[in-house]
Amino acid sequence: GGGGGGGSEGEGALLLSVSTDQLRSLCRRRPAVLLRLASLLLQAVPPILRTLDHCAEWRVLRPGDEATDDLDGEPSVLIVQCGRLRLFAASENEPADGAAAAAAGGAPPSGSSELLARDSYGEEDVLLNTRSGARRAVAVRDTQVISLSASVIRAAAV
């Protein structure tokens, strides 16, 4: 029991309960505490997540903008963070005003599909190291996408 010293299990460990306001106040008065907390938290983040975060390309697309799944000359995986992308099949001779129709938010034409938050595409090209070019993606409304290149994904898979 008690808080005394000698050789009990968990020696050196201390659990504190601090309110958000108290923590903010402490960090303002002692910036070194904030730096130490940040350092401890970063050590807990797996290296793969830090690598992916640094290598990801984050983009904001406006309605009608095309999202490319090509980064630095190699295929990539696109992940929709928020918003909506309309995928047009390459074989579907999309009308010239297809991007405008997508931007207007009209119903998707036959042969197309839509990607919503947390949806992705491009995995097949990355995994098979191909360039099918089978689809085009056009933002239907303001959309945020994350692109990860094939080389980053392959490095992460090792």
Protein backbone atom coordinates (compact mmCIF):
# COMPACT_ATOMS: atom_id res chain seq x y z
CA GLY A 1 0.00 0.00 0.00
CA GLY A 2 0.65 3.67 0.64
CA GLY A 3 2.59 6.21 -1.27
CA GLY A 4 5.84 5.36 0.48
CA GLY A 5 8.93 4.39 -1.28
CA GLY A 6 10.62 1.08 -1.24
CA GLY A 7 10.45 -1.42 -4.00
CA SER A 8 6.74 -1.82 -4.63
CA GLU A 9 5.46 -2.93 -8.01
CA GLY A 10 4.97 -0.02 -10.43
CA GLU A 11 7.71 2.01 -8.82
CA GLY A 12 8.42 5.09 -10.88
CA ALA A 13 4.91 5.23 -12.30
CA LEU A 14 2.58 8.04 -11.31
CA LEU A 15 -0.98 8.58 -12.46
CA LEU A 16 -2.40 12.09 -12.43
CA SER A 17 -5.84 13.37 -13.29
CA VAL A 18 -5.65 16.88 -14.68
CA SER A 19 -8.50 18.88 -16.17
CA THR A 20 -8.17 20.40 -19.63
CA ASP A 21 -8.04 23.91 -18.14
CA GLN A 22 -5.33 22.90 -15.67
CA LEU A 23 -3.28 21.33 -18.45
CA ARG A 24 -3.59 24.44 -20.62
CA SER A 25 -2.53 26.63 -17.71
CA LEU A 26 0.44 24.38 -16.94
CA CYS A 27 1.57 24.38 -20.58
CA ARG A 28 1.37 28.19 -20.76
CA ARG A 29 3.39 28.59 -17.57
CA ARG A 30 5.87 25.85 -18.43
CA PRO A 31 6.25 25.31 -22.20
CA ALA A 32 8.77 22.53 -21.54
CA VAL A 33 5.87 20.42 -20.21
CA LEU A 34 4.05 20.79 -23.54
CA LEU A 35 7.18 19.80 -25.48
CA ARG A 36 7.70 16.75 -23.28
CA LEU A 37 4.07 15.66 -23.69
CA ALA A 38 4.32 16.07 -27.47
CA SER A 39 7.52 14.02 -27.50
CA LEU A 40 5.90 11.23 -25.49
CA LEU A 41 2.83 11.20 -27.76
CA LEU A 42 4.94 11.10 -30.94
CA GLN A 43 6.84 8.09 -29.58
CA ALA A 44 3.52 6.28 -29.29
CA VAL A 45 2.63 6.87 -32.96
CA PRO A 46 3.78 3.91 -35.07
CA PRO A 47 6.51 4.89 -37.55
CA ILE A 48 4.38 3.73 -40.47
CA LEU A 49 1.71 6.34 -39.66
CA ARG A 50 4.28 9.13 -39.44
CA THR A 51 5.72 8.06 -42.81
CA LEU A 52 2.31 7.94 -44.46
CA ASP A 53 1.38 11.34 -43.08
CA HIS A 54 4.59 12.94 -44.38
CA CYS A 55 4.29 11.30 -47.80
CA ALA A 56 0.59 11.91 -48.40
CA GLU A 57 -0.52 14.67 -50.71
CA TRP A 58 -3.56 16.50 -49.34
CA ARG A 59 -5.71 18.38 -51.85
CA VAL A 60 -8.93 20.37 -51.93
CA LEU A 61 -10.99 20.03 -55.10
CA ARG A 62 -13.73 22.40 -56.17
CA PRO A 63 -16.84 21.20 -58.01
CA GLY A 64 -15.86 20.08 -61.51
CA ASP A 65 -12.12 19.65 -60.66
CA GLU A 66 -10.63 16.35 -61.76
CA ALA A 67 -8.76 14.27 -59.19
CA THR A 68 -5.77 12.51 -60.73
CA ASP A 69 -4.57 9.20 -59.41
CA ASP A 70 -1.07 9.81 -60.71
CA LEU A 71 1.68 11.18 -58.45
CA ASP A 72 5.17 11.85 -59.78
CA GLY A 73 4.62 9.58 -62.77
CA GLU A 74 3.36 6.56 -60.87
CA PRO A 75 -0.11 5.34 -59.91
CA SER A 76 -1.51 6.29 -56.53
CA VAL A 77 -4.41 5.56 -54.25
CA LEU A 78 -6.93 8.36 -53.72
CA ILE A 79 -8.83 8.47 -50.42
CA VAL A 80 -11.81 10.81 -50.04
CA GLN A 81 -11.54 12.55 -46.70
CA CYS A 82 -14.80 14.48 -47.15
CA GLY A 83 -16.98 15.50 -50.06
CA ARG A 84 -17.90 13.44 -53.11
CA LEU A 85 -16.15 12.29 -56.28
CA ARG A 86 -17.93 10.92 -59.32
CA LEU A 87 -16.08 8.17 -61.18
CA PHE A 88 -16.55 7.97 -64.94
CA ALA A 89 -15.64 4.75 -66.72
CA ALA A 90 -13.15 5.35 -69.54
CA SER A 91 -15.33 3.37 -71.91
CA GLU A 92 -18.28 5.62 -71.15
CA ASN A 93 -17.74 8.45 -73.63
CA GLU A 94 -18.43 11.10 -71.05
CA PRO A 95 -19.99 14.18 -72.60
CA ALA A 96 -17.81 17.27 -72.73
CA ASP A 97 -20.01 18.86 -70.10
CA GLY A 98 -19.67 15.82 -67.77
CA ALA A 99 -17.53 17.75 -65.33
CA ALA A 100 -20.08 20.56 -65.32
CA ALA A 101 -22.86 18.04 -64.72
CA ALA A 102 -20.89 16.55 -61.85
CA ALA A 103 -20.31 20.02 -60.43
CA ALA A 104 -24.02 20.72 -60.65
CA GLY A 105 -24.61 17.63 -58.51
CA GLY A 106 -26.96 15.96 -60.99
CA ALA A 107 -27.66 12.26 -60.96
CA PRO A 108 -24.69 10.14 -62.02
CA PRO A 109 -24.88 8.87 -65.58
CA SER A 110 -25.07 5.13 -66.14
CA GLY A 111 -21.68 3.48 -65.85
CA SER A 112 -20.46 5.97 -63.27
CA SER A 113 -20.32 5.67 -59.52
CA GLU A 114 -19.57 7.96 -56.62
CA LEU A 115 -17.04 7.95 -53.84
CA LEU A 116 -17.93 9.39 -50.44
CA ALA A 117 -15.90 10.04 -47.27
CA ARG A 118 -13.48 7.18 -46.47
CA ASP A 119 -13.92 5.62 -49.93
CA SER A 120 -10.84 5.06 -52.07
CA TYR A 121 -9.80 4.01 -55.52
CA GLY A 122 -6.62 3.22 -57.42
CA GLU A 123 -5.66 0.24 -55.25
CA GLU A 124 -5.80 -2.19 -58.16
CA ASP A 125 -3.31 -0.18 -60.25
CA VAL A 126 -0.97 0.20 -57.27
CA LEU A 127 -1.09 -3.45 -56.20
CA LEU A 128 -0.79 -4.83 -59.75
CA ASN A 129 1.67 -2.12 -60.86
CA THR A 130 -0.51 -1.29 -63.84
CA ARG A 131 -2.10 1.79 -65.35
CA SER A 132 -5.57 0.80 -66.32
CA GLY A 133 -6.70 4.37 -66.79
CA ALA A 134 -10.17 2.91 -66.48
CA ARG A 135 -11.70 5.83 -64.61
CA ARG A 136 -11.71 9.55 -64.18
CA ALA A 137 -12.78 11.15 -60.91
CA VAL A 138 -14.50 14.55 -60.85
CA ALA A 139 -15.48 16.45 -57.69
CA VAL A 140 -19.22 16.85 -57.35
CA ARG A 141 -18.85 19.41 -54.55
CA ASP A 142 -16.01 20.75 -52.42
CA THR A 143 -13.96 17.62 -51.71
CA GLN A 144 -10.78 16.86 -49.80
CA VAL A 145 -8.68 13.95 -51.04
CA ILE A 146 -5.50 12.30 -49.86
CA SER A 147 -3.16 10.72 -52.42
CA LEU A 148 -0.61 8.06 -51.56
CA SER A 149 1.85 7.07 -54.27
CA ALA A 150 2.53 3.45 -55.17
CA SER A 151 6.10 3.60 -53.86
CA VAL A 152 4.92 4.83 -50.44
CA ILE A 153 2.31 2.08 -50.22
CA ARG A 154 4.79 -0.58 -51.28
CA ALA A 155 7.33 0.66 -48.70
CA ALA A 156 4.64 0.58 -46.01
CA ALA A 157 3.72 -2.99 -46.91
CA VAL A 158 7.23 -4.29 -46.24
